Structures are given as structure tokens and as C-alpha cells.
Amino acid sequence: MRTLLTFARSTLDDCVLLEVHGEVDMSCAHLLDTAVRESPGDILVLDLTGVRFLSGAGVDVVLNAACRDGHATVVVVAPPACPAYRTLALAGVEATTTLYHSITDALTATRDVAW
């Protein structure tokens, strides 16, 4: 059986990068939520470039992570060509959360905010 969802966590500059690969649906959205909550640091770059499918449950996790008070600042990477971008855009996420098109763009934005 193929694993539907995997994570890769690394450190870039002063940020934690959480790369998500696979499908985020209602059966595994809690895994994404846990991965986000357990990521250390003050800034989390949530890279959804490798997400092939994002359900409403996944959108909820992304919104909650991006809008959570008192925790790490979360920036979301979802290039227009990836399926997650389309789902997030249709859900209206861009009204409250900036979707960066690349990790470089997200890192630049976090540096601008931090300085």
C-alpha cells in the first residue's frame, strides 16, 4: 500500500521548512495538523508544492495554522501550478492568508517582516 502523505522537515535560515507530499484528505488531515503543531521555531514555512490533493479538511488545517495566535508565524507556499493552490484559491484562503509561489518568496517575506 502506498503512503498517501509524507513530510520532510528542515531548517532554512531562521525558519523551519515543512514540505508536504501526497494527498491531504479527511482521513489524514490530522497528521498535517500534528506536523504543523510539532514544528519548532518562530517561523514555519508550510510548503504544499508536493500536495496532489487537498480536501476541505486540509484547507481547515492550513487556515488554522496560518491564523493561529500565540504560536509560530506560518507562511504557506503553494505555486499556481500545484493542485493545492487551486483548492486554497477556490476556498478563498487568499482573503486572509498570502500564498507564496516559491520557498524563496516565502523566506524573503519572513525576512521583511522580521526586520
PDB file of N, CA and C in Angstrom:
ATOM      1  N   MET A   1       0.837  -1.187   0.000  1.00  0.00           N
ATOM      2  CA  MET A   1       0.000   0.000   0.000  1.00  0.00           C
ATOM      3  C   MET A   1       0.878   1.247   0.000  1.00  0.00           C
ATOM      4  N   ARG A   2       0.530   2.209  -0.804  1.00  0.00           N
ATOM      5  CA  ARG A   2       1.280   3.449  -0.952  1.00  0.00           C
ATOM      6  C   ARG A   2       0.944   4.421   0.172  1.00  0.00           C
ATOM      7  N   THR A   3       1.952   5.081   0.722  1.00  0.00           N
ATOM      8  CA  THR A   3       1.729   6.105   1.732  1.00  0.00           C
ATOM      9  C   THR A   3       1.134   7.323   1.050  1.00  0.00           C
ATOM     10  N   LEU A   4       0.013   7.813   1.580  1.00  0.00           N
ATOM     11  CA  LEU A   4      -0.671   8.932   0.953  1.00  0.00           C
ATOM     12  C   LEU A   4      -0.096  10.285   1.321  1.00  0.00           C
ATOM     13  N   LEU A   5       0.561  10.370   2.483  1.00  0.00           N
ATOM     14  CA  LEU A   5       1.024  11.669   2.954  1.00  0.00           C
ATOM     15  C   LEU A   5       2.371  11.518   3.645  1.00  0.00           C
ATOM     16  N   THR A   6       3.337  12.328   3.222  1.00  0.00           N
ATOM     17  CA  THR A   6       4.649  12.321   3.865  1.00  0.00           C
ATOM     18  C   THR A   6       5.088  13.757   4.136  1.00  0.00           C
ATOM     19  N   PHE A   7       6.017  13.879   5.090  1.00  0.00           N
ATOM     20  CA  PHE A   7       6.534  15.183   5.477  1.00  0.00           C
ATOM     21  C   PHE A   7       8.052  15.142   5.480  1.00  0.00           C
ATOM     22  N   ALA A   8       8.650  16.280   5.163  1.00  0.00           N
ATOM     23  CA  ALA A   8      10.095  16.453   5.297  1.00  0.00           C
ATOM     24  C   ALA A   8      10.306  17.782   6.016  1.00  0.00           C
ATOM     25  N   ARG A   9      11.012  17.735   7.126  1.00  0.00           N
ATOM     26  CA  ARG A   9      11.241  18.942   7.917  1.00  0.00           C
ATOM     27  C   ARG A   9      12.728  19.281   7.880  1.00  0.00           C
ATOM     28  N   SER A  10      13.032  20.564   7.618  1.00  0.00           N
ATOM     29  CA  SER A  10      14.418  21.029   7.601  1.00  0.00           C
ATOM     30  C   SER A  10      14.456  22.466   8.092  1.00  0.00           C
ATOM     31  N   THR A  11      15.673  22.973   8.271  1.00  0.00           N
ATOM     32  CA  THR A  11      15.838  24.350   8.728  1.00  0.00           C
ATOM     33  C   THR A  11      16.483  25.164   7.619  1.00  0.00           C
ATOM     34  N   LEU A  12      15.895  26.320   7.345  1.00  0.00           N
ATOM     35  CA  LEU A  12      16.433  27.264   6.365  1.00  0.00           C
ATOM     36  C   LEU A  12      16.505  28.623   7.037  1.00  0.00           C
ATOM     37  N   ASP A  13      17.684  29.190   7.064  1.00  0.00           N
ATOM     38  CA  ASP A  13      17.884  30.463   7.757  1.00  0.00           C
ATOM     39  C   ASP A  13      17.356  30.321   9.179  1.00  0.00           C
ATOM     40  N   ASP A  14      16.431  31.175   9.578  1.00  0.00           N
ATOM     41  CA  ASP A  14      15.847  31.102  10.918  1.00  0.00           C
ATOM     42  C   ASP A  14      14.461  30.465  10.884  1.00  0.00           C
ATOM     43  N   CYS A  15      14.150  29.773   9.815  1.00  0.00           N
ATOM     44  CA  CYS A  15      12.815  29.206   9.623  1.00  0.00           C
ATOM     45  C   CYS A  15      12.874  27.680   9.621  1.00  0.00           C
ATOM     46  N   VAL A  16      11.738  27.100   9.953  1.00  0.00           N
ATOM     47  CA  VAL A  16      11.567  25.659   9.787  1.00  0.00           C
ATOM     48  C   VAL A  16      10.749  25.460   8.518  1.00  0.00           C
ATOM     49  N   LEU A  17      11.229  24.618   7.633  1.00  0.00           N
ATOM     50  CA  LEU A  17      10.528  24.300   6.389  1.00  0.00           C
ATOM     51  C   LEU A  17       9.864  22.942   6.558  1.00  0.00           C
ATOM     52  N   LEU A  18       8.552  22.909   6.381  1.00  0.00           N
ATOM     53  CA  LEU A  18       7.807  21.653   6.423  1.00  0.00           C
ATOM     54  C   LEU A  18       7.251  21.405   5.025  1.00  0.00           C
ATOM     55  N   GLU A  19       7.870  20.446   4.324  1.00  0.00           N
ATOM     56  CA  GLU A  19       7.425  20.094   2.980  1.00  0.00           C
ATOM     57  C   GLU A  19       6.415  18.961   3.084  1.00  0.00           C
ATOM     58  N   VAL A  20       5.276  19.145   2.430  1.00  0.00           N
ATOM     59  CA  VAL A  20       4.197  18.170   2.469  1.00  0.00           C
ATOM     60  C   VAL A  20       4.068  17.551   1.082  1.00  0.00           C
ATOM     61  N   HIS A  21       3.990  16.216   1.040  1.00  0.00           N
ATOM     62  CA  HIS A  21       3.881  15.495  -0.232  1.00  0.00           C
ATOM     63  C   HIS A  21       2.740  14.497  -0.139  1.00  0.00           C
ATOM     64  N   GLY A  22       1.932  14.454  -1.179  1.00  0.00           N
ATOM     65  CA  GLY A  22       0.872  13.449  -1.243  1.00  0.00           C
ATOM     66  C   GLY A  22      -0.514  14.057  -1.222  1.00  0.00           C
ATOM     67  N   GLU A  23      -1.409  13.369  -0.540  1.00  0.00           N
ATOM     68  CA  GLU A  23      -2.827  13.740  -0.512  1.00  0.00           C
ATOM     69  C   GLU A  23      -3.253  14.057   0.915  1.00  0.00           C
ATOM     70  N   VAL A  24      -3.913  15.198   1.084  1.00  0.00           N
ATOM     71  CA  VAL A  24      -4.418  15.588   2.400  1.00  0.00           C
ATOM     72  C   VAL A  24      -5.942  15.554   2.318  1.00  0.00           C
ATOM     73  N   ASP A  25      -6.521  14.507   2.906  1.00  0.00           N
ATOM     74  CA  ASP A  25      -7.975  14.398   2.944  1.00  0.00           C
ATOM     75  C   ASP A  25      -8.424  14.226   4.385  1.00  0.00           C
ATOM     76  N   MET A  26      -9.710  13.960   4.590  1.00  0.00           N
ATOM     77  CA  MET A  26     -10.220  13.893   5.957  1.00  0.00           C
ATOM     78  C   MET A  26      -9.638  12.740   6.769  1.00  0.00           C
ATOM     79  N   SER A  27      -9.103  11.730   6.090  1.00  0.00           N
ATOM     80  CA  SER A  27      -8.540  10.598   6.827  1.00  0.00           C
ATOM     81  C   SER A  27      -7.138  10.871   7.360  1.00  0.00           C
ATOM     82  N   CYS A  28      -6.468  11.899   6.831  1.00  0.00           N
ATOM     83  CA  CYS A  28      -5.096  12.153   7.281  1.00  0.00           C
ATOM     84  C   CYS A  28      -4.800  13.625   7.567  1.00  0.00           C
ATOM     85  N   ALA A  29      -5.798  14.488   7.508  1.00  0.00           N
ATOM     86  CA  ALA A  29      -5.576  15.913   7.786  1.00  0.00           C
ATOM     87  C   ALA A  29      -5.014  16.120   9.188  1.00  0.00           C
ATOM     88  N   HIS A  30      -5.408  15.249  10.120  1.00  0.00           N
ATOM     89  CA  HIS A  30      -4.896  15.367  11.486  1.00  0.00           C
ATOM     90  C   HIS A  30      -3.382  15.166  11.539  1.00  0.00           C
ATOM     91  N   LEU A  31      -2.829  14.403  10.606  1.00  0.00           N
ATOM     92  CA  LEU A  31      -1.383  14.208  10.550  1.00  0.00           C
ATOM     93  C   LEU A  31      -0.678  15.506  10.162  1.00  0.00           C
ATOM     94  N   LEU A  32      -1.275  16.240   9.228  1.00  0.00           N
ATOM     95  CA  LEU A  32      -0.730  17.543   8.847  1.00  0.00           C
ATOM     96  C   LEU A  32      -0.824  18.504  10.031  1.00  0.00           C
ATOM     97  N   ASP A  33      -1.951  18.500  10.704  1.00  0.00           N
ATOM     98  CA  ASP A  33      -2.123  19.372  11.870  1.00  0.00           C
ATOM     99  C   ASP A  33      -1.062  19.075  12.930  1.00  0.00           C
ATOM    100  N   THR A  34      -0.829  17.809  13.194  1.00  0.00           N
ATOM    101  CA  THR A  34       0.183  17.410  14.178  1.00  0.00           C
ATOM    102  C   THR A  34       1.574  17.844  13.729  1.00  0.00           C
ATOM    103  N   ALA A  35       1.892  17.650  12.464  1.00  0.00           N
ATOM    104  CA  ALA A  35       3.209  18.037  11.945  1.00  0.00           C
ATOM    105  C   ALA A  35       3.427  19.543  12.074  1.00  0.00           C
ATOM    106  N   VAL A  36       2.387  20.322  11.813  1.00  0.00           N
ATOM    107  CA  VAL A  36       2.485  21.776  11.946  1.00  0.00           C
ATOM    108  C   VAL A  36       2.686  22.156  13.407  1.00  0.00           C
ATOM    109  N   ARG A  37       1.865  21.597  14.281  1.00  0.00           N
ATOM    110  CA  ARG A  37       1.942  21.932  15.711  1.00  0.00           C
ATOM    111  C   ARG A  37       3.270  21.521  16.338  1.00  0.00           C
ATOM    112  N   GLU A  38       3.863  20.443  15.858  1.00  0.00           N
ATOM    113  CA  GLU A  38       5.111  19.946  16.426  1.00  0.00           C
ATOM    114  C   GLU A  38       6.354  20.557  15.795  1.00  0.00           C
ATOM    115  N   SER A  39       6.173  21.451  14.836  1.00  0.00           N
ATOM    116  CA  SER A  39       7.328  22.091  14.208  1.00  0.00           C
ATOM    117  C   SER A  39       7.857  23.176  15.137  1.00  0.00           C
ATOM    118  N   PRO A  40       9.148  23.106  15.453  1.00  0.00           N
ATOM    119  CA  PRO A  40       9.727  24.079  16.379  1.00  0.00           C
ATOM    120  C   PRO A  40       9.995  25.413  15.685  1.00  0.00           C
ATOM    121  N   GLY A  41      10.309  26.413  16.466  1.00  0.00           N
ATOM    122  CA  GLY A  41      10.732  27.693  15.907  1.00  0.00           C
ATOM    123  C   GLY A  41       9.632  28.724  15.871  1.00  0.00           C
ATOM    124  N   ASP A  42      10.042  29.935  15.503  1.00  0.00           N
ATOM    125  CA  ASP A  42       9.118  31.063  15.461  1.00  0.00           C
ATOM    126  C   ASP A  42       8.474  31.255  14.095  1.00  0.00           C
ATOM    127  N   ILE A  43       9.113  30.719  13.049  1.00  0.00           N
ATOM    128  CA  ILE A  43       8.585  30.866  11.692  1.00  0.00           C
ATOM    129  C   ILE A  43       8.552  29.493  11.026  1.00  0.00           C
ATOM    130  N   LEU A  44       7.383  29.125  10.528  1.00  0.00           N
ATOM    131  CA  LEU A  44       7.203  27.868   9.815  1.00  0.00           C
ATOM    132  C   LEU A  44       6.806  28.164   8.380  1.00  0.00           C
ATOM    133  N   VAL A  45       7.574  27.634   7.444  1.00  0.00           N
ATOM    134  CA  VAL A  45       7.235  27.719   6.025  1.00  0.00           C
ATOM    135  C   VAL A  45       6.575  26.392   5.665  1.00  0.00           C
ATOM    136  N   LEU A  46       5.288  26.447   5.374  1.00  0.00           N
ATOM    137  CA  LEU A  46       4.498  25.257   5.039  1.00  0.00           C
ATOM    138  C   LEU A  46       4.440  25.142   3.522  1.00  0.00           C
ATOM    139  N   ASP A  47       5.217  24.219   2.970  1.00  0.00           N
ATOM    140  CA  ASP A  47       5.331  24.061   1.519  1.00  0.00           C
ATOM    141  C   ASP A  47       4.367  22.983   1.034  1.00  0.00           C
ATOM    142  N   LEU A  48       3.355  23.402   0.287  1.00  0.00           N
ATOM    143  CA  LEU A  48       2.332  22.490  -0.234  1.00  0.00           C
ATOM    144  C   LEU A  48       2.547  22.160  -1.708  1.00  0.00           C
ATOM    145  N   THR A  49       3.719  22.479  -2.227  1.00  0.00           N
ATOM    146  CA  THR A  49       4.013  22.246  -3.642  1.00  0.00           C
ATOM    147  C   THR A  49       3.818  20.785  -4.030  1.00  0.00           C
ATOM    148  N   GLY A  50       4.163  19.861  -3.153  1.00  0.00           N
ATOM    149  CA  GLY A  50       4.070  18.434  -3.452  1.00  0.00           C
ATOM    150  C   GLY A  50       2.732  17.801  -3.122  1.00  0.00           C
ATOM    151  N   VAL A  51       1.735  18.605  -2.786  1.00  0.00           N
ATOM    152  CA  VAL A  51       0.411  18.065  -2.446  1.00  0.00           C
ATOM    153  C   VAL A  51      -0.379  17.851  -3.739  1.00  0.00           C
ATOM    154  N   ARG A  52      -0.802  16.597  -3.965  1.00  0.00           N
ATOM    155  CA  ARG A  52      -1.563  16.249  -5.168  1.00  0.00           C
ATOM    156  C   ARG A  52      -3.062  16.483  -5.008  1.00  0.00           C
ATOM    157  N   PHE A  53      -3.538  16.424  -3.755  1.00  0.00           N
ATOM    158  CA  PHE A  53      -4.965  16.600  -3.475  1.00  0.00           C
ATOM    159  C   PHE A  53      -5.101  17.238  -2.102  1.00  0.00           C
ATOM    160  N   LEU A  54      -5.965  18.249  -1.992  1.00  0.00           N
ATOM    161  CA  LEU A  54      -6.205  18.928  -0.727  1.00  0.00           C
ATOM    162  C   LEU A  54      -7.713  19.044  -0.533  1.00  0.00           C
ATOM    163  N   SER A  55      -8.230  18.357   0.482  1.00  0.00           N
ATOM    164  CA  SER A  55      -9.672  18.388   0.750  1.00  0.00           C
ATOM    165  C   SER A  55     -10.015  19.581   1.640  1.00  0.00           C
ATOM    166  N   GLY A  56     -11.282  19.725   1.921  1.00  0.00           N
ATOM    167  CA  GLY A  56     -11.739  20.767   2.841  1.00  0.00           C
ATOM    168  C   GLY A  56     -11.111  20.631   4.217  1.00  0.00           C
ATOM    169  N   ALA A  57     -10.904  19.397   4.660  1.00  0.00           N
ATOM    170  CA  ALA A  57     -10.257  19.174   5.956  1.00  0.00           C
ATOM    171  C   ALA A  57      -8.819  19.702   5.931  1.00  0.00           C
ATOM    172  N   GLY A  58      -8.149  19.551   4.809  1.00  0.00           N
ATOM    173  CA  GLY A  58      -6.794  20.079   4.663  1.00  0.00           C
ATOM    174  C   GLY A  58      -6.779  21.594   4.629  1.00  0.00           C
ATOM    175  N   VAL A  59      -7.752  22.183   3.947  1.00  0.00           N
ATOM    176  CA  VAL A  59      -7.879  23.644   3.918  1.00  0.00           C
ATOM    177  C   VAL A  59      -8.059  24.173   5.339  1.00  0.00           C
ATOM    178  N   ASP A  60      -8.878  23.495   6.124  1.00  0.00           N
ATOM    179  CA  ASP A  60      -9.109  23.893   7.511  1.00  0.00           C
ATOM    180  C   ASP A  60      -7.805  23.884   8.310  1.00  0.00           C
ATOM    181  N   VAL A  61      -7.000  22.856   8.134  1.00  0.00           N
ATOM    182  CA  VAL A  61      -5.718  22.776   8.842  1.00  0.00           C
ATOM    183  C   VAL A  61      -4.812  23.931   8.430  1.00  0.00           C
ATOM    184  N   VAL A  62      -4.744  24.215   7.136  1.00  0.00           N
ATOM    185  CA  VAL A  62      -3.893  25.308   6.640  1.00  0.00           C
ATOM    186  C   VAL A  62      -4.365  26.643   7.201  1.00  0.00           C
ATOM    187  N   LEU A  63      -5.666  26.896   7.162  1.00  0.00           N
ATOM    188  CA  LEU A  63      -6.204  28.156   7.695  1.00  0.00           C
ATOM    189  C   LEU A  63      -5.953  28.287   9.189  1.00  0.00           C
ATOM    190  N   ASN A  64      -6.208  27.231   9.928  1.00  0.00           N
ATOM    191  CA  ASN A  64      -5.979  27.276  11.370  1.00  0.00           C
ATOM    192  C   ASN A  64      -4.503  27.519  11.679  1.00  0.00           C
ATOM    193  N   ALA A  65      -3.621  26.903  10.921  1.00  0.00           N
ATOM    194  CA  ALA A  65      -2.187  27.097  11.151  1.00  0.00           C
ATOM    195  C   ALA A  65      -1.779  28.535  10.854  1.00  0.00           C
ATOM    196  N   ALA A  66      -2.264  29.067   9.748  1.00  0.00           N
ATOM    197  CA  ALA A  66      -1.874  30.412   9.337  1.00  0.00           C
ATOM    198  C   ALA A  66      -2.458  31.501  10.241  1.00  0.00           C
ATOM    199  N   CYS A  67      -3.580  31.214  10.869  1.00  0.00           N
ATOM    200  CA  CYS A  67      -4.266  32.225  11.683  1.00  0.00           C
ATOM    201  C   CYS A  67      -4.129  31.994  13.177  1.00  0.00           C
ATOM    202  N   ARG A  68      -3.370  31.010  13.586  1.00  0.00           N
ATOM    203  CA  ARG A  68      -3.234  30.657  14.997  1.00  0.00           C
ATOM    204  C   ARG A  68      -2.458  31.731  15.750  1.00  0.00           C
ATOM    205  N   ASP A  69      -3.045  32.253  16.811  1.00  0.00           N
ATOM    206  CA  ASP A  69      -2.382  33.247  17.651  1.00  0.00           C
ATOM    207  C   ASP A  69      -1.496  32.570  18.682  1.00  0.00           C
ATOM    208  N   GLY A  70      -0.410  33.250  19.037  1.00  0.00           N
ATOM    209  CA  GLY A  70       0.437  32.768  20.112  1.00  0.00           C
ATOM    210  C   GLY A  70       1.371  31.640  19.740  1.00  0.00           C
ATOM    211  N   HIS A  71       1.403  31.272  18.490  1.00  0.00           N
ATOM    212  CA  HIS A  71       2.298  30.203  18.040  1.00  0.00           C
ATOM    213  C   HIS A  71       3.201  30.750  16.948  1.00  0.00           C
ATOM    214  N   ALA A  72       3.926  29.894  16.305  1.00  0.00           N
ATOM    215  CA  ALA A  72       4.827  30.300  15.232  1.00  0.00           C
ATOM    216  C   ALA A  72       4.062  31.005  14.114  1.00  0.00           C
ATOM    217  N   THR A  73       4.745  31.929  13.468  1.00  0.00           N
ATOM    218  CA  THR A  73       4.213  32.530  12.260  1.00  0.00           C
ATOM    219  C   THR A  73       4.286  31.462  11.173  1.00  0.00           C
ATOM    220  N   VAL A  74       3.186  31.255  10.478  1.00  0.00           N
ATOM    221  CA  VAL A  74       3.143  30.235   9.427  1.00  0.00           C
ATOM    222  C   VAL A  74       2.936  30.928   8.092  1.00  0.00           C
ATOM    223  N   VAL A  75       3.843  30.671   7.149  1.00  0.00           N
ATOM    224  CA  VAL A  75       3.682  31.166   5.787  1.00  0.00           C
ATOM    225  C   VAL A  75       3.476  29.963   4.874  1.00  0.00           C
ATOM    226  N   VAL A  76       2.615  30.111   3.897  1.00  0.00           N
ATOM    227  CA  VAL A  76       2.188  28.995   3.057  1.00  0.00           C
ATOM    228  C   VAL A  76       2.731  29.160   1.639  1.00  0.00           C
ATOM    229  N   VAL A  77       3.364  28.107   1.151  1.00  0.00           N
ATOM    230  CA  VAL A  77       3.876  28.071  -0.225  1.00  0.00           C
ATOM    231  C   VAL A  77       2.974  27.152  -1.040  1.00  0.00           C
ATOM    232  N   ALA A  78       2.363  27.730  -2.074  1.00  0.00           N
ATOM    233  CA  ALA A  78       1.510  26.950  -2.979  1.00  0.00           C
ATOM    234  C   ALA A  78       1.559  27.623  -4.354  1.00  0.00           C
ATOM    235  N   PRO A  79       2.450  27.174  -5.225  1.00  0.00           N
ATOM    236  CA  PRO A  79       2.549  27.764  -6.558  1.00  0.00           C
ATOM    237  C   PRO A  79       1.261  27.548  -7.360  1.00  0.00           C
ATOM    238  N   PRO A  80       0.934  28.478  -8.250  1.00  0.00           N
ATOM    239  CA  PRO A  80      -0.302  28.361  -9.037  1.00  0.00           C
ATOM    240  C   PRO A  80      -0.444  27.054  -9.817  1.00  0.00           C
ATOM    241  N   ALA A  81       0.655  26.416 -10.160  1.00  0.00           N
ATOM    242  CA  ALA A  81       0.588  25.174 -10.935  1.00  0.00           C
ATOM    243  C   ALA A  81       0.271  23.946 -10.081  1.00  0.00           C
ATOM    244  N   CYS A  82       0.302  24.071  -8.758  1.00  0.00           N
ATOM    245  CA  CYS A  82       0.057  22.887  -7.923  1.00  0.00           C
ATOM    246  C   CYS A  82      -1.421  22.779  -7.548  1.00  0.00           C
ATOM    247  N   PRO A  83      -1.924  21.556  -7.425  1.00  0.00           N
ATOM    248  CA  PRO A  83      -3.340  21.353  -7.105  1.00  0.00           C
ATOM    249  C   PRO A  83      -3.784  22.019  -5.804  1.00  0.00           C
ATOM    250  N   ALA A  84      -2.913  22.098  -4.818  1.00  0.00           N
ATOM    251  CA  ALA A  84      -3.278  22.710  -3.534  1.00  0.00           C
ATOM    252  C   ALA A  84      -3.611  24.183  -3.713  1.00  0.00           C
ATOM    253  N   TYR A  85      -2.901  24.865  -4.618  1.00  0.00           N
ATOM    254  CA  TYR A  85      -3.180  26.286  -4.849  1.00  0.00           C
ATOM    255  C   TYR A  85      -4.616  26.486  -5.320  1.00  0.00           C
ATOM    256  N   ARG A  86      -5.022  25.681  -6.262  1.00  0.00           N
ATOM    257  CA  ARG A  86      -6.374  25.834  -6.818  1.00  0.00           C
ATOM    258  C   ARG A  86      -7.431  25.644  -5.729  1.00  0.00           C
ATOM    259  N   THR A  87      -7.256  24.631  -4.901  1.00  0.00           N
ATOM    260  CA  THR A  87      -8.211  24.373  -3.820  1.00  0.00           C
ATOM    261  C   THR A  87      -8.229  25.532  -2.834  1.00  0.00           C
ATOM    262  N   LEU A  88      -7.055  26.012  -2.440  1.00  0.00           N
ATOM    263  CA  LEU A  88      -6.975  27.112  -1.487  1.00  0.00           C
ATOM    264  C   LEU A  88      -7.574  28.391  -2.075  1.00  0.00           C
ATOM    265  N   ALA A  89      -7.318  28.638  -3.348  1.00  0.00           N
ATOM    266  CA  ALA A  89      -7.869  29.827  -4.001  1.00  0.00           C
ATOM    267  C   ALA A  89      -9.398  29.748  -4.088  1.00  0.00           C
ATOM    268  N   LEU A  90      -9.918  28.588  -4.462  1.00  0.00           N
ATOM    269  CA  LEU A  90     -11.370  28.419  -4.543  1.00  0.00           C
ATOM    270  C   LEU A  90     -12.042  28.558  -3.177  1.00  0.00           C
ATOM    271  N   ALA A  91     -11.330  28.175  -2.132  1.00  0.00           N
ATOM    272  CA  ALA A  91     -11.864  28.280  -0.768  1.00  0.00           C
ATOM    273  C   ALA A  91     -11.757  29.702  -0.221  1.00  0.00           C
ATOM    274  N   GLY A  92     -11.104  30.590  -0.961  1.00  0.00           N
ATOM    275  CA  GLY A  92     -10.990  31.979  -0.531  1.00  0.00           C
ATOM    276  C   GLY A  92      -9.915  32.233   0.508  1.00  0.00           C
ATOM    277  N   VAL A  93      -8.963  31.340   0.609  1.00  0.00           N
ATOM    278  CA  VAL A  93      -7.905  31.461   1.619  1.00  0.00           C
ATOM    279  C   VAL A  93      -7.088  32.734   1.420  1.00  0.00           C
ATOM    280  N   GLU A  94      -6.940  33.158   0.185  1.00  0.00           N
ATOM    281  CA  GLU A  94      -6.121  34.347  -0.095  1.00  0.00           C
ATOM    282  C   GLU A  94      -6.695  35.630   0.511  1.00  0.00           C
ATOM    283  N   ALA A  95      -7.940  35.596   0.949  1.00  0.00           N
ATOM    284  CA  ALA A  95      -8.525  36.765   1.606  1.00  0.00           C
ATOM    285  C   ALA A  95      -7.898  37.009   2.976  1.00  0.00           C
ATOM    286  N   THR A  96      -7.376  35.947   3.596  1.00  0.00           N
ATOM    287  CA  THR A  96      -6.798  36.082   4.934  1.00  0.00           C
ATOM    288  C   THR A  96      -5.337  35.657   5.015  1.00  0.00           C
ATOM    289  N   THR A  97      -4.853  34.929   4.032  1.00  0.00           N
ATOM    290  CA  THR A  97      -3.506  34.369   4.077  1.00  0.00           C
ATOM    291  C   THR A  97      -2.832  34.543   2.721  1.00  0.00           C
ATOM    292  N   THR A  98      -1.606  35.018   2.740  1.00  0.00           N
ATOM    293  CA  THR A  98      -0.848  35.140   1.493  1.00  0.00           C
ATOM    294  C   THR A  98      -0.324  33.766   1.095  1.00  0.00           C
ATOM    295  N   LEU A  99      -0.532  33.423  -0.166  1.00  0.00           N
ATOM    296  CA  LEU A  99       0.013  32.175  -0.706  1.00  0.00           C
ATOM    297  C   LEU A  99       1.235  32.542  -1.538  1.00  0.00           C
ATOM    298  N   TYR A 100       2.396  32.109  -1.083  1.00  0.00           N
ATOM    299  CA  TYR A 100       3.636  32.409  -1.799  1.00  0.00           C
ATOM    300  C   TYR A 100       3.862  31.376  -2.887  1.00  0.00           C
ATOM    301  N   HIS A 101       4.455  31.824  -3.994  1.00  0.00           N
ATOM    302  CA  HIS A 101       4.633  30.949  -5.147  1.00  0.00           C
ATOM    303  C   HIS A 101       5.896  30.116  -5.070  1.00  0.00           C
ATOM    304  N   SER A 102       6.794  30.444  -4.148  1.00  0.00           N
ATOM    305  CA  SER A 102       8.028  29.670  -4.014  1.00  0.00           C
ATOM    306  C   SER A 102       8.542  29.792  -2.583  1.00  0.00           C
ATOM    307  N   ILE A 103       9.414  28.884  -2.217  1.00  0.00           N
ATOM    308  CA  ILE A 103      10.041  28.942  -0.899  1.00  0.00           C
ATOM    309  C   ILE A 103      10.871  30.216  -0.789  1.00  0.00           C
ATOM    310  N   THR A 104      11.542  30.594  -1.864  1.00  0.00           N
ATOM    311  CA  THR A 104      12.346  31.815  -1.867  1.00  0.00           C
ATOM    312  C   THR A 104      11.482  33.032  -1.569  1.00  0.00           C
ATOM    313  N   ASP A 105      10.314  33.124  -2.212  1.00  0.00           N
ATOM    314  CA  ASP A 105       9.397  34.237  -1.953  1.00  0.00           C
ATOM    315  C   ASP A 105       8.955  34.259  -0.490  1.00  0.00           C
ATOM    316  N   ALA A 106       8.658  33.083   0.056  1.00  0.00           N
ATOM    317  CA  ALA A 106       8.211  32.996   1.448  1.00  0.00           C
ATOM    318  C   ALA A 106       9.320  33.415   2.401  1.00  0.00           C
ATOM    319  N   LEU A 107      10.545  32.963   2.142  1.00  0.00           N
ATOM    320  CA  LEU A 107      11.669  33.340   3.003  1.00  0.00           C
ATOM    321  C   LEU A 107      11.943  34.828   2.939  1.00  0.00           C
ATOM    322  N   THR A 108      11.844  35.400   1.750  1.00  0.00           N
ATOM    323  CA  THR A 108      12.036  36.854   1.597  1.00  0.00           C
ATOM    324  C   THR A 108      10.984  37.611   2.398  1.00  0.00           C
ATOM    325  N   ALA A 109       9.756  37.162   2.342  1.00  0.00           N
ATOM    326  CA  ALA A 109       8.674  37.819   3.074  1.00  0.00           C
ATOM    327  C   ALA A 109       8.882  37.723   4.584  1.00  0.00           C
ATOM    328  N   THR A 110       9.370  36.577   5.058  1.00  0.00           N
ATOM    329  CA  THR A 110       9.594  36.436   6.500  1.00  0.00           C
ATOM    330  C   THR A 110      10.743  37.317   6.956  1.00  0.00           C
ATOM    331  N   ARG A 111      11.748  37.502   6.116  1.00  0.00           N
ATOM    332  CA  ARG A 111      12.849  38.391   6.467  1.00  0.00           C
ATOM    333  C   ARG A 111      12.371  39.839   6.522  1.00  0.00           C
ATOM    334  N   ASP A 112      11.513  40.224   5.584  1.00  0.00           N
ATOM    335  CA  ASP A 112      10.979  41.579   5.572  1.00  0.00           C
ATOM    336  C   ASP A 112      10.173  41.885   6.820  1.00  0.00           C
ATOM    337  N   VAL A 113       9.407  40.902   7.291  1.00  0.00           N
ATOM    338  CA  VAL A 113       8.586  41.082   8.495  1.00  0.00           C
ATOM    339  C   VAL A 113       9.465  41.126   9.739  1.00  0.00           C
ATOM    340  N   ALA A 114      10.485  40.264   9.781  1.00  0.00           N
ATOM    341  CA  ALA A 114      11.345  40.165  10.960  1.00  0.00           C
ATOM    342  C   ALA A 114      12.215  41.396  11.141  1.00  0.00           C
ATOM    343  N   TRP A 115      12.557  42.095  10.048  1.00  0.00           N
ATOM    344  CA  TRP A 115      13.458  43.248  10.167  1.00  0.00           C
ATOM    345  C   TRP A 115      12.652  44.455  10.259  1.00  0.00           C
TER     346      TRP A 115
END
